[in-house]
N, C-alpha and C. Protein backbone atom coordinates (compact mmCIF):
# COMPACT_ATOMS: atom_id res chain seq x y z
N LEU A 1 -66.46 -34.66 29.07
CA LEU A 1 -67.38 -33.81 28.32
C LEU A 1 -68.30 -33.08 29.29
N GLU A 2 -68.60 -31.85 28.97
CA GLU A 2 -69.41 -31.02 29.86
C GLU A 2 -70.78 -31.61 30.15
N SER A 3 -71.34 -32.36 29.21
CA SER A 3 -72.68 -32.91 29.41
C SER A 3 -72.65 -34.26 30.11
N GLY A 4 -71.49 -34.77 30.43
CA GLY A 4 -71.37 -36.10 31.02
C GLY A 4 -71.46 -36.12 32.53
N GLY A 5 -71.67 -37.30 33.05
CA GLY A 5 -71.75 -37.48 34.49
C GLY A 5 -70.44 -37.21 35.21
N ALA A 6 -69.30 -37.48 34.54
CA ALA A 6 -68.00 -37.26 35.17
C ALA A 6 -67.79 -35.77 35.48
N ALA A 7 -68.18 -34.91 34.56
CA ALA A 7 -68.05 -33.47 34.81
C ALA A 7 -68.96 -33.06 35.96
N GLU A 8 -70.15 -33.59 36.00
CA GLU A 8 -71.08 -33.28 37.09
C GLU A 8 -70.52 -33.75 38.44
N ALA A 9 -69.81 -34.87 38.45
CA ALA A 9 -69.26 -35.41 39.69
C ALA A 9 -67.95 -34.73 40.09
N GLY A 10 -67.43 -33.86 39.22
CA GLY A 10 -66.24 -33.09 39.57
C GLY A 10 -64.94 -33.60 38.96
N LEU A 11 -65.00 -34.59 38.09
CA LEU A 11 -63.79 -35.06 37.41
C LEU A 11 -63.28 -33.95 36.51
N GLN A 12 -61.96 -33.73 36.53
CA GLN A 12 -61.37 -32.64 35.77
C GLN A 12 -60.34 -33.18 34.78
N PRO A 13 -60.08 -32.41 33.71
CA PRO A 13 -59.05 -32.83 32.76
C PRO A 13 -57.71 -33.05 33.49
N GLY A 14 -57.05 -34.15 33.18
CA GLY A 14 -55.76 -34.46 33.79
C GLY A 14 -55.86 -35.36 35.01
N ASP A 15 -57.07 -35.54 35.56
CA ASP A 15 -57.23 -36.45 36.69
C ASP A 15 -56.93 -37.88 36.22
N ALA A 16 -56.30 -38.66 37.07
CA ALA A 16 -55.97 -40.05 36.74
C ALA A 16 -56.97 -40.98 37.41
N ILE A 17 -57.57 -41.88 36.63
CA ILE A 17 -58.46 -42.90 37.17
C ILE A 17 -57.59 -44.09 37.54
N LEU A 18 -57.61 -44.45 38.81
CA LEU A 18 -56.77 -45.53 39.32
C LEU A 18 -57.52 -46.85 39.45
N ALA A 19 -58.83 -46.77 39.75
CA ALA A 19 -59.65 -47.98 39.91
C ALA A 19 -61.08 -47.67 39.53
N ILE A 20 -61.78 -48.70 39.05
CA ILE A 20 -63.17 -48.57 38.65
C ILE A 20 -63.96 -49.63 39.41
N ASP A 21 -64.90 -49.20 40.22
CA ASP A 21 -65.67 -50.10 41.08
C ASP A 21 -64.75 -51.02 41.86
N GLY A 22 -63.64 -50.46 42.35
CA GLY A 22 -62.71 -51.21 43.20
C GLY A 22 -61.67 -52.04 42.48
N THR A 23 -61.75 -52.13 41.16
CA THR A 23 -60.78 -52.91 40.39
C THR A 23 -59.75 -51.98 39.78
N PRO A 24 -58.45 -52.20 40.06
CA PRO A 24 -57.42 -51.34 39.49
C PRO A 24 -57.44 -51.36 37.96
N VAL A 25 -57.25 -50.19 37.36
CA VAL A 25 -57.26 -50.12 35.90
C VAL A 25 -56.10 -50.92 35.30
N THR A 26 -55.04 -51.14 36.07
CA THR A 26 -53.93 -51.95 35.58
C THR A 26 -54.37 -53.39 35.32
N GLU A 27 -55.38 -53.86 36.05
CA GLU A 27 -55.92 -55.20 35.82
C GLU A 27 -56.91 -55.21 34.66
N LEU A 28 -57.62 -54.11 34.47
CA LEU A 28 -58.66 -54.05 33.44
C LEU A 28 -58.11 -53.76 32.05
N GLY A 29 -57.02 -53.00 31.98
CA GLY A 29 -56.51 -52.55 30.68
C GLY A 29 -57.39 -51.45 30.14
N PHE A 30 -56.98 -50.89 29.00
CA PHE A 30 -57.72 -49.76 28.42
C PHE A 30 -59.14 -50.15 28.04
N GLN A 31 -59.29 -51.19 27.22
CA GLN A 31 -60.61 -51.58 26.74
C GLN A 31 -61.51 -52.03 27.88
N GLY A 32 -60.94 -52.79 28.82
CA GLY A 32 -61.72 -53.24 29.96
C GLY A 32 -62.19 -52.09 30.82
N SER A 33 -61.36 -51.06 30.94
CA SER A 33 -61.73 -49.87 31.72
C SER A 33 -62.89 -49.15 31.06
N ILE A 34 -62.81 -48.99 29.75
CA ILE A 34 -63.90 -48.33 29.00
C ILE A 34 -65.20 -49.11 29.19
N GLU A 35 -65.12 -50.43 29.07
CA GLU A 35 -66.32 -51.26 29.21
C GLU A 35 -66.90 -51.17 30.62
N ARG A 36 -66.04 -51.08 31.63
CA ARG A 36 -66.49 -51.02 33.01
C ARG A 36 -67.13 -49.66 33.32
N ILE A 37 -66.61 -48.60 32.70
CA ILE A 37 -67.17 -47.26 32.94
C ILE A 37 -68.52 -47.11 32.25
N ARG A 38 -68.63 -47.64 31.04
CA ARG A 38 -69.91 -47.56 30.33
C ARG A 38 -70.92 -48.46 31.02
N GLY A 39 -72.17 -48.09 30.92
CA GLY A 39 -73.21 -48.90 31.52
C GLY A 39 -74.57 -48.29 31.28
N THR A 40 -75.54 -48.84 31.93
CA THR A 40 -76.91 -48.40 31.76
C THR A 40 -77.09 -46.99 32.30
N GLU A 41 -77.69 -46.16 31.47
CA GLU A 41 -77.97 -44.78 31.88
C GLU A 41 -78.80 -44.78 33.16
N GLY A 42 -78.42 -43.93 34.10
CA GLY A 42 -79.12 -43.84 35.37
C GLY A 42 -78.46 -44.61 36.50
N THR A 43 -77.52 -45.51 36.15
CA THR A 43 -76.77 -46.21 37.18
C THR A 43 -75.51 -45.39 37.50
N THR A 44 -74.73 -45.85 38.46
CA THR A 44 -73.52 -45.13 38.84
C THR A 44 -72.30 -46.04 38.73
N VAL A 45 -71.13 -45.41 38.67
CA VAL A 45 -69.86 -46.13 38.69
C VAL A 45 -68.95 -45.39 39.67
N SER A 46 -68.20 -46.16 40.44
CA SER A 46 -67.29 -45.58 41.43
C SER A 46 -65.87 -45.53 40.85
N LEU A 47 -65.27 -44.35 40.89
CA LEU A 47 -63.92 -44.16 40.35
C LEU A 47 -62.99 -43.70 41.46
N LEU A 48 -61.84 -44.34 41.58
CA LEU A 48 -60.79 -43.88 42.48
C LEU A 48 -59.88 -43.00 41.63
N ILE A 49 -59.77 -41.74 41.99
CA ILE A 49 -59.00 -40.80 41.17
C ILE A 49 -57.88 -40.14 41.96
N ARG A 50 -56.86 -39.76 41.21
CA ARG A 50 -55.80 -38.91 41.74
C ARG A 50 -55.92 -37.60 40.99
N ARG A 51 -56.16 -36.53 41.75
CA ARG A 51 -56.36 -35.20 41.17
C ARG A 51 -55.06 -34.71 40.54
N ALA A 52 -55.15 -34.19 39.34
CA ALA A 52 -53.99 -33.67 38.60
C ALA A 52 -53.33 -32.55 39.39
N GLY A 53 -52.02 -32.67 39.62
CA GLY A 53 -51.26 -31.63 40.28
C GLY A 53 -51.48 -31.52 41.78
N SER A 54 -52.14 -32.50 42.38
CA SER A 54 -52.45 -32.44 43.80
C SER A 54 -51.58 -33.41 44.59
N GLU A 55 -51.27 -33.04 45.81
CA GLU A 55 -50.52 -33.90 46.72
C GLU A 55 -51.46 -34.73 47.60
N GLU A 56 -52.76 -34.50 47.49
CA GLU A 56 -53.74 -35.21 48.29
C GLU A 56 -53.77 -36.69 47.91
N PRO A 57 -54.15 -37.55 48.85
CA PRO A 57 -54.28 -38.97 48.52
C PRO A 57 -55.44 -39.18 47.53
N PRO A 58 -55.42 -40.29 46.79
CA PRO A 58 -56.52 -40.56 45.87
C PRO A 58 -57.85 -40.56 46.61
N ARG A 59 -58.91 -40.20 45.88
CA ARG A 59 -60.23 -40.19 46.49
C ARG A 59 -61.24 -40.85 45.56
N GLU A 60 -62.29 -41.35 46.16
CA GLU A 60 -63.33 -42.03 45.40
C GLU A 60 -64.45 -41.06 45.08
N ILE A 61 -64.91 -41.10 43.83
CA ILE A 61 -66.08 -40.32 43.45
C ILE A 61 -67.08 -41.26 42.78
N VAL A 62 -68.33 -40.97 42.95
CA VAL A 62 -69.39 -41.75 42.32
C VAL A 62 -69.93 -40.93 41.16
N VAL A 63 -69.91 -41.54 39.99
CA VAL A 63 -70.27 -40.85 38.76
C VAL A 63 -71.58 -41.43 38.20
N PRO A 64 -72.57 -40.57 37.95
CA PRO A 64 -73.80 -41.08 37.33
C PRO A 64 -73.55 -41.34 35.84
N ARG A 65 -74.03 -42.47 35.38
CA ARG A 65 -73.92 -42.77 33.94
C ARG A 65 -75.07 -42.06 33.23
N ARG A 66 -74.71 -41.41 32.13
CA ARG A 66 -75.74 -40.75 31.34
C ARG A 66 -75.32 -40.76 29.87
N ARG A 67 -76.30 -40.56 29.04
CA ARG A 67 -76.05 -40.50 27.61
C ARG A 67 -75.29 -39.23 27.30
N ILE A 68 -74.23 -39.35 26.51
CA ILE A 68 -73.42 -38.20 26.11
C ILE A 68 -73.95 -37.68 24.78
N SER A 69 -74.27 -36.39 24.75
CA SER A 69 -74.70 -35.79 23.48
C SER A 69 -73.65 -34.79 23.05
N MET A 70 -73.24 -34.91 21.81
CA MET A 70 -72.17 -34.03 21.30
C MET A 70 -72.72 -33.05 20.31
């Protein structure tokens, strides 16, 4: 979402999240991943991402947690 921290950190539609705070999403599962990404507003979460359509190796981005307003 445009108002979210992920957009501010440069996450784009189609990017794949591979790990959250160092834990592979394959270990967390869908619900566990959602719970790990959510958190107290003003804190950060580290995401290892693979850019959609890119040949570059995965990279880590730090995303600020913020309240999403729709």
